[in-house]
Structure formats: C-alpha cells, structure tokens
Amino acid sequence: QMTDPFDVLLRSHSLRQFREWEAEGLDFHHIGYLRLARTEEQMKLFAKSVEYQREMGFKASVYDSKDLQKLVPHLDSTGLAGGIFGP
C-alpha cells in the first residue's frame, strides 16, 4: 500500500526478516492489507504503488469502489474512489 519507492523497498527488506523468523518457528498470520482512497488523486498514487510493488515481487492490485464490495462484502464503499489490496 506504500506510495513511495523507498517505502516499498523497506517493506521488501522487512518481509525477508519476517520470513527468517518464520523459518525459526515464529508464527505469523498472513492476512494482507487494504488501503482505501477517497479521491482519484489517491487512486493514481495507488496505481504507481502497484508498479513499484510488482517490481519488488509483491502482488498488489487496485480496486474501484464497486469491486471493493466484492473483496470485502461488509464494507460500505460509499464516498470511496477505491483502494489497493495486497494479499
């Protein structure tokens, strides 16, 4: 969900550390993340973020407001432009 290349790089390094801890027996629940946008300007940042994340090997996707309902059925997407989700 990061919108800055440096933040995505930092997340990549952090994820490697979490994977090392998992290999040592520490248990993490992989639930993903969802960040919401109220404006089209935020959605443009999310689209750029997806590009950065894919370059780093992450699987993030941008969703418009109606597709958010499919992703999270109990979410009221009124007033939202959309969001970004990474599993």
Protein backbone atom coordinates (compact mmCIF):
# COMPACT_ATOMS: atom_id res chain seq x y z
CA GLN A 1 0.00 0.00 0.00
CA MET A 2 3.05 2.23 0.08
CA THR A 3 3.12 5.06 -2.44
CA ASP A 4 6.85 5.80 -2.30
CA PRO A 5 9.51 3.56 -3.87
CA PHE A 6 11.72 3.79 -0.76
CA ASP A 7 8.84 2.60 1.45
CA VAL A 8 8.25 -0.37 -0.86
CA LEU A 9 11.95 -1.23 -0.70
CA LEU A 10 11.85 -1.01 3.10
CA ARG A 11 8.83 -3.32 3.14
CA SER A 12 10.70 -5.79 0.96
CA HIS A 13 13.59 -5.91 3.43
CA SER A 14 11.18 -6.25 6.35
CA LEU A 15 9.36 -9.12 4.67
CA ARG A 16 12.63 -11.01 4.28
CA GLN A 17 13.22 -10.63 8.03
CA PHE A 18 9.73 -11.90 8.85
CA ARG A 19 10.32 -14.93 6.62
CA GLU A 20 13.56 -15.67 8.50
CA TRP A 21 11.67 -15.53 11.79
CA GLU A 22 9.03 -17.87 10.38
CA ALA A 23 11.74 -20.32 9.36
CA GLU A 24 12.88 -20.27 13.00
CA GLY A 25 9.36 -21.20 14.15
CA LEU A 26 7.68 -17.85 14.84
CA ASP A 27 4.09 -17.95 13.56
CA PHE A 28 2.56 -15.04 11.62
CA HIS A 29 -0.95 -14.77 10.18
CA HIS A 30 -0.83 -13.64 6.55
CA ILE A 31 -3.98 -11.57 6.17
CA GLY A 32 -2.85 -8.98 3.63
CA TYR A 33 -3.64 -5.29 3.71
CA LEU A 34 -6.26 -2.95 2.34
CA ARG A 35 -5.79 0.79 1.98
CA LEU A 36 -8.73 2.93 0.93
CA ALA A 37 -8.87 6.04 -1.26
CA ARG A 38 -11.43 8.82 -1.26
CA THR A 39 -10.07 10.70 -4.28
CA GLU A 40 -8.92 9.95 -7.81
CA GLU A 41 -5.58 11.54 -6.92
CA GLN A 42 -5.07 8.87 -4.24
CA MET A 43 -6.04 6.21 -6.76
CA LYS A 44 -3.30 7.48 -9.11
CA LEU A 45 -0.78 7.08 -6.28
CA PHE A 46 -2.06 3.55 -5.68
CA ALA A 47 -1.60 2.69 -9.38
CA LYS A 48 2.03 3.86 -9.17
CA SER A 49 2.47 1.89 -5.96
CA VAL A 50 1.31 -1.30 -7.68
CA GLU A 51 4.03 -0.77 -10.29
CA TYR A 52 6.71 -0.36 -7.58
CA GLN A 53 5.41 -3.34 -5.67
CA ARG A 54 5.33 -5.65 -8.69
CA GLU A 55 8.93 -4.70 -9.48
CA MET A 56 9.80 -5.84 -5.93
CA GLY A 57 7.83 -9.10 -6.27
CA PHE A 58 4.67 -8.15 -4.37
CA LYS A 59 1.15 -8.94 -5.62
CA ALA A 60 -0.90 -5.80 -5.05
CA SER A 61 -3.95 -4.73 -7.06
CA VAL A 62 -6.05 -1.58 -7.35
CA TYR A 63 -9.83 -1.90 -6.99
CA ASP A 64 -12.51 0.64 -7.82
CA SER A 65 -15.23 1.25 -5.23
CA LYS A 66 -17.70 -1.32 -6.60
CA ASP A 67 -15.02 -4.02 -6.71
CA LEU A 68 -14.16 -3.28 -3.08
CA GLN A 69 -17.63 -4.60 -2.17
CA LYS A 70 -16.72 -7.92 -3.81
CA LEU A 71 -13.41 -8.05 -1.98
CA VAL A 72 -14.88 -7.10 1.42
CA PRO A 73 -18.66 -7.72 1.35
CA HIS A 74 -19.36 -5.94 4.67
CA LEU A 75 -17.52 -2.75 3.58
CA ASP A 76 -19.66 0.31 2.84
CA SER A 77 -17.82 1.86 -0.11
CA THR A 78 -19.97 5.00 -0.20
CA GLY A 79 -17.71 8.01 -0.77
CA LEU A 80 -14.70 5.90 -1.71
CA ALA A 81 -12.90 6.08 -5.04
CA GLY A 82 -11.42 2.63 -4.48
CA GLY A 83 -8.49 1.01 -2.79
CA ILE A 84 -5.35 -1.06 -3.02
CA PHE A 85 -5.11 -4.62 -1.69
CA GLY A 86 -2.13 -6.86 -1.28
CA PRO A 87 -2.59 -10.45 -0.20
